[in-house]
Each structure stands twice: as structure tokens, then as C-alpha cells.
Amino acid sequence: PEMRRCDREVTDLAEIQAIIEKNMILHLGLFDEEFPYVVLFIMAVNTMKKESIYLLHDGARQGHKLDLIAQNPKVC
């Protein structure tokens, strides 16, 4: 689906990277049955590879947020 406010859409990867570097706090929204489950990452690190941006964080290799991502990888 297209954005309602196309004039505000950011598609340039360099501009997206600059926004991420300026705002090093990430709120990750996951779907958890009836209500959203939001996780706060204080020190998100970004790295660019080809035409994608990857956000990395420290965390356990198991837990609720990983279970939710496995059930539904569409996050915001």
C-alpha cells in the first residue's frame, strides 16, 4: 500500500541511515495477540549492505520478542 502522505516518504538509503544515526533509540512494535508489544532498544546500531539496512541489537537468543517475531515477522 502507498503512503497517504507521499511527500513525507523517505526512500533514499543515505537519508534513512542519517535519520537512524541521529536517533539512536528504536521502538520495535510486535503483534502479541490482542495488544501490541513494544520493545525499546536504546543503542540500536545500523549497518548498510547492498540496498538494505539492518538494525542490530544486544539481546538473548530466546525470549518473548523472538517468539513473536517467529510467529509474525511483520514489525514496525
N, C-alpha and C. Protein backbone atom coordinates (compact mmCIF):
# COMPACT_ATOMS: atom_id res chain seq x y z
N PRO A 1 0.83 -1.20 0.00
CA PRO A 1 0.00 0.00 0.00
C PRO A 1 0.87 1.25 0.00
N GLU A 2 0.38 2.25 -0.69
CA GLU A 2 1.11 3.51 -0.75
C GLU A 2 0.83 4.35 0.48
N MET A 3 1.80 5.19 0.81
CA MET A 3 1.63 6.12 1.93
C MET A 3 0.59 7.17 1.58
N ARG A 4 -0.15 7.58 2.58
CA ARG A 4 -1.13 8.64 2.37
C ARG A 4 -0.42 9.96 2.10
N ARG A 5 0.67 10.22 2.81
CA ARG A 5 1.44 11.45 2.64
C ARG A 5 2.74 11.15 1.90
N CYS A 6 2.65 10.91 0.61
CA CYS A 6 3.82 10.55 -0.20
C CYS A 6 4.92 11.61 -0.14
N ASP A 7 4.54 12.86 0.14
CA ASP A 7 5.53 13.93 0.21
C ASP A 7 6.46 13.76 1.42
N ARG A 8 6.10 12.91 2.39
CA ARG A 8 6.93 12.68 3.57
C ARG A 8 7.70 11.36 3.53
N GLU A 9 7.48 10.58 2.48
CA GLU A 9 8.13 9.29 2.37
C GLU A 9 9.63 9.46 2.14
N VAL A 10 10.43 8.70 2.88
CA VAL A 10 11.88 8.73 2.73
C VAL A 10 12.31 7.41 2.10
N THR A 11 12.88 7.48 0.91
CA THR A 11 13.29 6.27 0.20
C THR A 11 14.79 6.20 -0.04
N ASP A 12 15.49 7.31 0.07
CA ASP A 12 16.94 7.35 -0.16
C ASP A 12 17.65 6.69 1.03
N LEU A 13 18.42 5.63 0.76
CA LEU A 13 19.07 4.88 1.84
C LEU A 13 20.04 5.73 2.65
N ALA A 14 20.74 6.67 2.01
CA ALA A 14 21.66 7.53 2.75
C ALA A 14 20.90 8.43 3.72
N GLU A 15 19.74 8.92 3.30
CA GLU A 15 18.92 9.75 4.18
C GLU A 15 18.34 8.93 5.34
N ILE A 16 17.92 7.70 5.05
CA ILE A 16 17.42 6.82 6.10
C ILE A 16 18.53 6.53 7.11
N GLN A 17 19.74 6.26 6.62
CA GLN A 17 20.87 5.99 7.51
C GLN A 17 21.15 7.21 8.39
N ALA A 18 21.11 8.41 7.84
CA ALA A 18 21.34 9.63 8.62
C ALA A 18 20.29 9.80 9.71
N ILE A 19 19.05 9.49 9.40
CA ILE A 19 17.96 9.58 10.39
C ILE A 19 18.22 8.59 11.53
N ILE A 20 18.61 7.37 11.19
CA ILE A 20 18.86 6.35 12.21
C ILE A 20 20.04 6.74 13.09
N GLU A 21 21.13 7.25 12.49
CA GLU A 21 22.31 7.65 13.26
C GLU A 21 22.00 8.81 14.19
N LYS A 22 21.12 9.70 13.77
CA LYS A 22 20.75 10.86 14.60
C LYS A 22 19.86 10.43 15.77
N ASN A 23 19.04 9.43 15.58
CA ASN A 23 18.08 8.98 16.58
C ASN A 23 18.40 7.54 16.97
N MET A 24 19.27 7.35 17.93
CA MET A 24 19.76 6.01 18.25
C MET A 24 18.83 5.26 19.21
N ILE A 25 17.58 5.64 19.26
CA ILE A 25 16.59 4.91 20.05
C ILE A 25 15.60 4.28 19.08
N LEU A 26 15.31 3.02 19.28
CA LEU A 26 14.41 2.29 18.40
C LEU A 26 13.27 1.71 19.23
N HIS A 27 12.05 1.96 18.82
CA HIS A 27 10.88 1.31 19.40
C HIS A 27 10.42 0.27 18.39
N LEU A 28 10.50 -1.00 18.76
CA LEU A 28 10.11 -2.09 17.87
C LEU A 28 8.73 -2.56 18.26
N GLY A 29 7.77 -2.43 17.35
CA GLY A 29 6.40 -2.85 17.62
C GLY A 29 6.14 -4.23 17.05
N LEU A 30 5.69 -5.13 17.91
CA LEU A 30 5.39 -6.51 17.52
C LEU A 30 3.92 -6.80 17.79
N PHE A 31 3.38 -7.80 17.11
CA PHE A 31 1.99 -8.19 17.31
C PHE A 31 1.92 -9.30 18.35
N ASP A 32 1.20 -9.06 19.45
CA ASP A 32 1.07 -10.03 20.53
C ASP A 32 -0.42 -10.25 20.83
N GLU A 33 -1.03 -11.13 20.07
CA GLU A 33 -2.44 -11.47 20.20
C GLU A 33 -3.33 -10.23 20.17
N GLU A 34 -3.88 -9.83 21.30
CA GLU A 34 -4.85 -8.74 21.30
C GLU A 34 -4.21 -7.34 21.30
N PHE A 35 -3.03 -7.20 21.92
CA PHE A 35 -2.42 -5.88 22.07
C PHE A 35 -1.01 -5.86 21.48
N PRO A 36 -0.54 -4.68 21.06
CA PRO A 36 0.84 -4.58 20.57
C PRO A 36 1.83 -4.80 21.71
N TYR A 37 3.00 -5.29 21.35
CA TYR A 37 4.10 -5.48 22.29
C TYR A 37 5.24 -4.63 21.77
N VAL A 38 5.62 -3.59 22.50
CA VAL A 38 6.64 -2.65 22.05
C VAL A 38 7.89 -2.84 22.89
N VAL A 39 9.03 -2.98 22.21
CA VAL A 39 10.32 -3.17 22.86
C VAL A 39 11.17 -1.94 22.57
N LEU A 40 11.83 -1.39 23.58
CA LEU A 40 12.69 -0.23 23.44
C LEU A 40 14.14 -0.69 23.35
N PHE A 41 14.83 -0.28 22.30
CA PHE A 41 16.26 -0.54 22.17
C PHE A 41 16.98 0.79 22.25
N ILE A 42 17.82 0.96 23.26
CA ILE A 42 18.50 2.23 23.48
C ILE A 42 19.63 2.46 22.49
N MET A 43 20.44 1.45 22.22
CA MET A 43 21.63 1.64 21.40
C MET A 43 21.53 0.82 20.12
N ALA A 44 20.55 1.09 19.28
CA ALA A 44 20.43 0.39 18.00
C ALA A 44 21.59 0.80 17.10
N VAL A 45 22.17 -0.14 16.42
CA VAL A 45 23.29 0.13 15.51
C VAL A 45 22.84 -0.26 14.11
N ASN A 46 23.15 0.56 13.16
CA ASN A 46 22.72 0.22 11.81
C ASN A 46 23.93 -0.02 10.93
N THR A 47 23.78 -0.89 10.00
CA THR A 47 24.81 -1.16 9.02
C THR A 47 24.14 -1.35 7.67
N MET A 48 24.73 -0.82 6.63
CA MET A 48 24.16 -0.95 5.29
C MET A 48 24.89 -2.03 4.52
N LYS A 49 24.13 -2.89 3.87
CA LYS A 49 24.68 -3.90 2.98
C LYS A 49 23.83 -3.88 1.73
N LYS A 50 24.48 -3.65 0.61
CA LYS A 50 23.80 -3.55 -0.68
C LYS A 50 22.68 -2.51 -0.59
N GLU A 51 21.44 -2.91 -0.77
CA GLU A 51 20.36 -1.94 -0.75
C GLU A 51 19.40 -2.20 0.40
N SER A 52 19.96 -2.64 1.54
CA SER A 52 19.16 -2.91 2.73
C SER A 52 19.82 -2.29 3.94
N ILE A 53 19.04 -2.03 4.95
CA ILE A 53 19.56 -1.54 6.22
C ILE A 53 19.22 -2.57 7.28
N TYR A 54 20.19 -2.96 8.06
CA TYR A 54 19.99 -3.92 9.14
C TYR A 54 20.18 -3.22 10.47
N LEU A 55 19.24 -3.40 11.37
CA LEU A 55 19.33 -2.85 12.72
C LEU A 55 19.72 -3.99 13.66
N LEU A 56 20.83 -3.81 14.35
CA LEU A 56 21.35 -4.83 15.24
C LEU A 56 21.17 -4.38 16.68
N HIS A 57 21.00 -5.34 17.58
CA HIS A 57 20.86 -5.01 19.00
C HIS A 57 21.36 -6.18 19.82
N ASP A 58 21.72 -5.86 21.07
CA ASP A 58 22.08 -6.92 22.01
C ASP A 58 20.81 -7.53 22.56
N GLY A 59 20.82 -8.81 22.77
CA GLY A 59 19.64 -9.47 23.33
C GLY A 59 19.87 -10.96 23.46
N ALA A 60 18.99 -11.58 24.19
CA ALA A 60 19.07 -13.02 24.38
C ALA A 60 18.70 -13.74 23.08
N ARG A 61 19.16 -14.95 22.94
CA ARG A 61 18.85 -15.75 21.76
C ARG A 61 17.49 -16.43 21.88
N GLN A 62 16.81 -16.21 22.97
CA GLN A 62 15.46 -16.74 23.15
C GLN A 62 14.67 -15.75 23.99
N GLY A 63 13.38 -15.84 23.92
CA GLY A 63 12.54 -14.95 24.71
C GLY A 63 11.27 -14.58 23.98
N HIS A 64 10.46 -13.79 24.66
CA HIS A 64 9.13 -13.44 24.17
C HIS A 64 9.19 -12.71 22.83
N LYS A 65 10.06 -11.69 22.71
CA LYS A 65 10.09 -10.92 21.46
C LYS A 65 10.50 -11.78 20.28
N LEU A 66 11.44 -12.70 20.47
CA LEU A 66 11.84 -13.59 19.37
C LEU A 66 10.72 -14.57 19.02
N ASP A 67 9.98 -15.01 20.02
CA ASP A 67 8.83 -15.87 19.75
C ASP A 67 7.79 -15.13 18.91
N LEU A 68 7.56 -13.85 19.24
CA LEU A 68 6.58 -13.06 18.49
C LEU A 68 7.04 -12.80 17.06
N ILE A 69 8.34 -12.54 16.88
CA ILE A 69 8.86 -12.33 15.53
C ILE A 69 8.74 -13.61 14.71
N ALA A 70 8.98 -14.77 15.34
CA ALA A 70 8.85 -16.04 14.64
C ALA A 70 7.42 -16.30 14.20
N GLN A 71 6.45 -15.87 15.02
CA GLN A 71 5.03 -16.06 14.69
C GLN A 71 4.59 -15.12 13.58
N ASN A 72 5.10 -13.88 13.61
CA ASN A 72 4.71 -12.87 12.63
C ASN A 72 5.88 -11.89 12.43
N PRO A 73 6.69 -12.09 11.38
CA PRO A 73 7.87 -11.26 11.19
C PRO A 73 7.58 -9.83 10.71
N LYS A 74 6.32 -9.48 10.52
CA LYS A 74 5.98 -8.12 10.12
C LYS A 74 5.95 -7.26 11.37
N VAL A 75 6.91 -6.35 11.46
CA VAL A 75 7.05 -5.49 12.65
C VAL A 75 7.06 -4.04 12.20
N CYS A 76 6.94 -3.13 13.18
CA CYS A 76 7.03 -1.71 12.86
C CYS A 76 7.86 -1.01 13.89
